[in-house]
Amino acid sequence: MNNTNQSNQVTHTVAGTDIEAVKRENEQSGMSYNEAKEFLARTSGGHGTSVYSDTNIEAVKKKNQTKQKE
C-alpha cells in the first residue's frame, strides 16, 4: 500500500461522513447545550444558577443592611 498520497489530516470518518461539512453545519445550528443552559439561567433565574450570575453579592448585602437600618 502506498501512503505517500495520503495526508495526515483526516477529512472523512470511516463511514464516509465529511467532518468539515458537519463542523460547518454545527456552527450554523444555533446555541450549544452549554450556551442554552447559560441563557436560561440568566433569563429565568432558578436553583443552582449562581455560576452564571453577574450580581455583585457584596453590593446587595450592603444595600440590604442599609435598608434594615432605615
N, C-alpha and C. Protein backbone atom coordinates (compact mmCIF):
# COMPACT_ATOMS: atom_id res chain seq x y z
N MET A 1 0.85 -1.18 0.00
CA MET A 1 0.00 0.00 0.00
C MET A 1 0.89 1.23 0.00
N ASN A 2 0.58 2.18 -0.84
CA ASN A 2 1.37 3.39 -0.96
C ASN A 2 0.70 4.50 -0.15
N ASN A 3 1.36 4.99 0.92
CA ASN A 3 0.80 6.00 1.80
C ASN A 3 1.29 7.40 1.47
N THR A 4 2.05 7.58 0.40
CA THR A 4 2.61 8.90 0.11
C THR A 4 1.55 9.89 -0.34
N ASN A 5 0.43 9.45 -0.87
CA ASN A 5 -0.62 10.35 -1.33
C ASN A 5 -1.62 10.71 -0.24
N GLN A 6 -1.53 10.05 0.91
CA GLN A 6 -2.47 10.31 2.00
C GLN A 6 -1.95 11.44 2.87
N SER A 7 -2.81 12.37 3.23
CA SER A 7 -2.41 13.44 4.15
C SER A 7 -2.61 12.95 5.56
N ASN A 8 -1.96 13.65 6.49
CA ASN A 8 -2.09 13.29 7.90
C ASN A 8 -3.42 13.76 8.48
N GLN A 9 -4.11 14.66 7.80
CA GLN A 9 -5.37 15.20 8.29
C GLN A 9 -6.52 14.32 7.81
N VAL A 10 -7.34 13.88 8.75
CA VAL A 10 -8.50 13.06 8.42
C VAL A 10 -9.64 13.99 8.03
N THR A 11 -10.24 13.76 6.86
CA THR A 11 -11.33 14.61 6.40
C THR A 11 -12.67 13.90 6.38
N HIS A 12 -12.65 12.57 6.47
CA HIS A 12 -13.88 11.79 6.46
C HIS A 12 -13.80 10.69 7.52
N THR A 13 -14.94 10.36 8.09
CA THR A 13 -14.99 9.24 9.04
C THR A 13 -14.94 7.93 8.27
N VAL A 14 -14.82 6.84 8.99
CA VAL A 14 -14.81 5.51 8.37
C VAL A 14 -16.10 5.29 7.59
N ALA A 15 -17.20 5.86 8.08
CA ALA A 15 -18.49 5.69 7.41
C ALA A 15 -18.65 6.61 6.21
N GLY A 16 -17.67 7.52 5.99
CA GLY A 16 -17.73 8.40 4.83
C GLY A 16 -18.27 9.78 5.11
N THR A 17 -18.53 10.12 6.35
CA THR A 17 -19.05 11.44 6.70
C THR A 17 -17.96 12.49 6.54
N ASP A 18 -18.28 13.59 5.88
CA ASP A 18 -17.35 14.70 5.70
C ASP A 18 -17.29 15.50 7.00
N ILE A 19 -16.18 15.41 7.70
CA ILE A 19 -16.04 16.04 9.03
C ILE A 19 -16.17 17.55 8.94
N GLU A 20 -15.57 18.17 7.95
CA GLU A 20 -15.63 19.63 7.81
C GLU A 20 -17.06 20.10 7.52
N ALA A 21 -17.81 19.33 6.74
CA ALA A 21 -19.20 19.70 6.46
C ALA A 21 -20.03 19.66 7.73
N VAL A 22 -19.79 18.67 8.58
CA VAL A 22 -20.52 18.56 9.84
C VAL A 22 -20.18 19.74 10.73
N LYS A 23 -18.91 20.13 10.78
CA LYS A 23 -18.49 21.28 11.60
C LYS A 23 -19.17 22.56 11.11
N ARG A 24 -19.25 22.73 9.79
CA ARG A 24 -19.91 23.93 9.24
C ARG A 24 -21.39 23.95 9.61
N GLU A 25 -22.04 22.82 9.51
CA GLU A 25 -23.47 22.75 9.86
C GLU A 25 -23.68 23.02 11.34
N ASN A 26 -22.81 22.51 12.18
CA ASN A 26 -22.92 22.74 13.62
C ASN A 26 -22.78 24.22 13.96
N GLU A 27 -21.90 24.93 13.26
CA GLU A 27 -21.71 26.36 13.52
C GLU A 27 -22.98 27.15 13.24
N GLN A 28 -23.79 26.67 12.33
CA GLN A 28 -25.00 27.39 11.92
C GLN A 28 -26.26 26.88 12.63
N SER A 29 -26.11 25.96 13.56
CA SER A 29 -27.28 25.32 14.14
C SER A 29 -27.85 26.02 15.37
N GLY A 30 -27.26 27.09 15.83
CA GLY A 30 -27.78 27.80 16.99
C GLY A 30 -26.91 27.61 18.21
N MET A 31 -27.51 27.75 19.37
CA MET A 31 -26.77 27.68 20.63
C MET A 31 -26.32 26.26 20.94
N SER A 32 -25.18 26.18 21.60
CA SER A 32 -24.72 24.88 22.10
C SER A 32 -25.51 24.56 23.36
N TYR A 33 -25.35 23.36 23.85
CA TYR A 33 -26.03 22.95 25.07
C TYR A 33 -25.65 23.87 26.23
N ASN A 34 -24.36 24.14 26.39
CA ASN A 34 -23.91 25.00 27.50
C ASN A 34 -24.36 26.45 27.31
N GLU A 35 -24.39 26.93 26.08
CA GLU A 35 -24.89 28.28 25.82
C GLU A 35 -26.37 28.37 26.17
N ALA A 36 -27.13 27.34 25.85
CA ALA A 36 -28.56 27.33 26.17
C ALA A 36 -28.77 27.31 27.69
N LYS A 37 -27.97 26.51 28.40
CA LYS A 37 -28.07 26.48 29.87
C LYS A 37 -27.78 27.85 30.46
N GLU A 38 -26.73 28.51 29.97
CA GLU A 38 -26.39 29.83 30.48
C GLU A 38 -27.49 30.84 30.18
N PHE A 39 -28.04 30.80 28.98
CA PHE A 39 -29.13 31.71 28.61
C PHE A 39 -30.32 31.53 29.53
N LEU A 40 -30.72 30.28 29.76
CA LEU A 40 -31.85 30.02 30.64
C LEU A 40 -31.57 30.49 32.07
N ALA A 41 -30.36 30.27 32.55
CA ALA A 41 -30.02 30.69 33.90
C ALA A 41 -30.06 32.21 34.03
N ARG A 42 -29.56 32.90 33.03
CA ARG A 42 -29.53 34.37 33.08
C ARG A 42 -30.92 34.98 32.94
N THR A 43 -31.80 34.34 32.19
CA THR A 43 -33.08 34.96 31.89
C THR A 43 -34.22 34.49 32.78
N SER A 44 -34.08 33.34 33.43
CA SER A 44 -35.19 32.84 34.23
C SER A 44 -34.85 32.62 35.69
N GLY A 45 -33.60 32.81 36.06
CA GLY A 45 -33.21 32.55 37.45
C GLY A 45 -33.30 31.07 37.73
N GLY A 46 -33.40 30.72 38.98
CA GLY A 46 -33.56 29.31 39.29
C GLY A 46 -32.50 28.78 40.22
N HIS A 47 -32.64 27.55 40.64
CA HIS A 47 -31.75 26.90 41.59
C HIS A 47 -30.43 26.51 40.92
N GLY A 48 -29.31 26.80 41.59
CA GLY A 48 -28.01 26.39 41.09
C GLY A 48 -27.50 27.19 39.91
N THR A 49 -27.97 28.43 39.75
CA THR A 49 -27.54 29.23 38.61
C THR A 49 -26.55 30.32 39.00
N SER A 50 -26.05 30.30 40.22
CA SER A 50 -25.16 31.36 40.68
C SER A 50 -23.88 31.46 39.86
N VAL A 51 -23.45 30.37 39.27
CA VAL A 51 -22.24 30.40 38.45
C VAL A 51 -22.41 31.33 37.25
N TYR A 52 -23.63 31.56 36.82
CA TYR A 52 -23.90 32.42 35.66
C TYR A 52 -24.28 33.84 36.07
N SER A 53 -24.36 34.10 37.36
CA SER A 53 -24.81 35.39 37.84
C SER A 53 -23.72 36.45 37.73
N ASP A 54 -24.12 37.66 37.36
CA ASP A 54 -23.17 38.78 37.35
C ASP A 54 -23.52 39.77 38.47
N THR A 55 -24.30 39.31 39.45
CA THR A 55 -24.69 40.13 40.58
C THR A 55 -23.52 40.29 41.54
N ASN A 56 -23.29 41.52 42.01
CA ASN A 56 -22.26 41.78 43.00
C ASN A 56 -22.86 41.49 44.38
N ILE A 57 -22.51 40.36 44.94
CA ILE A 57 -23.10 39.89 46.20
C ILE A 57 -22.84 40.88 47.34
N GLU A 58 -21.63 41.41 47.41
CA GLU A 58 -21.29 42.35 48.48
C GLU A 58 -22.12 43.63 48.38
N ALA A 59 -22.38 44.10 47.16
CA ALA A 59 -23.20 45.30 46.98
C ALA A 59 -24.63 45.05 47.44
N VAL A 60 -25.17 43.87 47.17
CA VAL A 60 -26.52 43.52 47.60
C VAL A 60 -26.58 43.44 49.12
N LYS A 61 -25.59 42.81 49.75
CA LYS A 61 -25.56 42.73 51.21
C LYS A 61 -25.52 44.12 51.83
N LYS A 62 -24.69 44.99 51.27
CA LYS A 62 -24.57 46.35 51.80
C LYS A 62 -25.89 47.11 51.65
N LYS A 63 -26.53 46.94 50.49
CA LYS A 63 -27.82 47.61 50.25
C LYS A 63 -28.88 47.10 51.23
N ASN A 64 -28.89 45.77 51.48
CA ASN A 64 -29.85 45.20 52.39
C ASN A 64 -29.62 45.69 53.83
N GLN A 65 -28.37 45.81 54.22
CA GLN A 65 -28.06 46.31 55.57
C GLN A 65 -28.52 47.76 55.71
N THR A 66 -28.32 48.56 54.68
CA THR A 66 -28.76 49.97 54.70
C THR A 66 -30.26 50.06 54.83
N LYS A 67 -31.00 49.22 54.13
CA LYS A 67 -32.46 49.23 54.19
C LYS A 67 -32.96 48.82 55.57
N GLN A 68 -32.28 47.88 56.23
CA GLN A 68 -32.69 47.42 57.55
C GLN A 68 -32.52 48.50 58.60
N LYS A 69 -31.55 49.38 58.42
CA LYS A 69 -31.29 50.46 59.37
C LYS A 69 -32.33 51.56 59.27
N GLU A 70 -33.00 51.67 58.14
CA GLU A 70 -33.99 52.73 57.93
C GLU A 70 -35.27 52.49 58.67
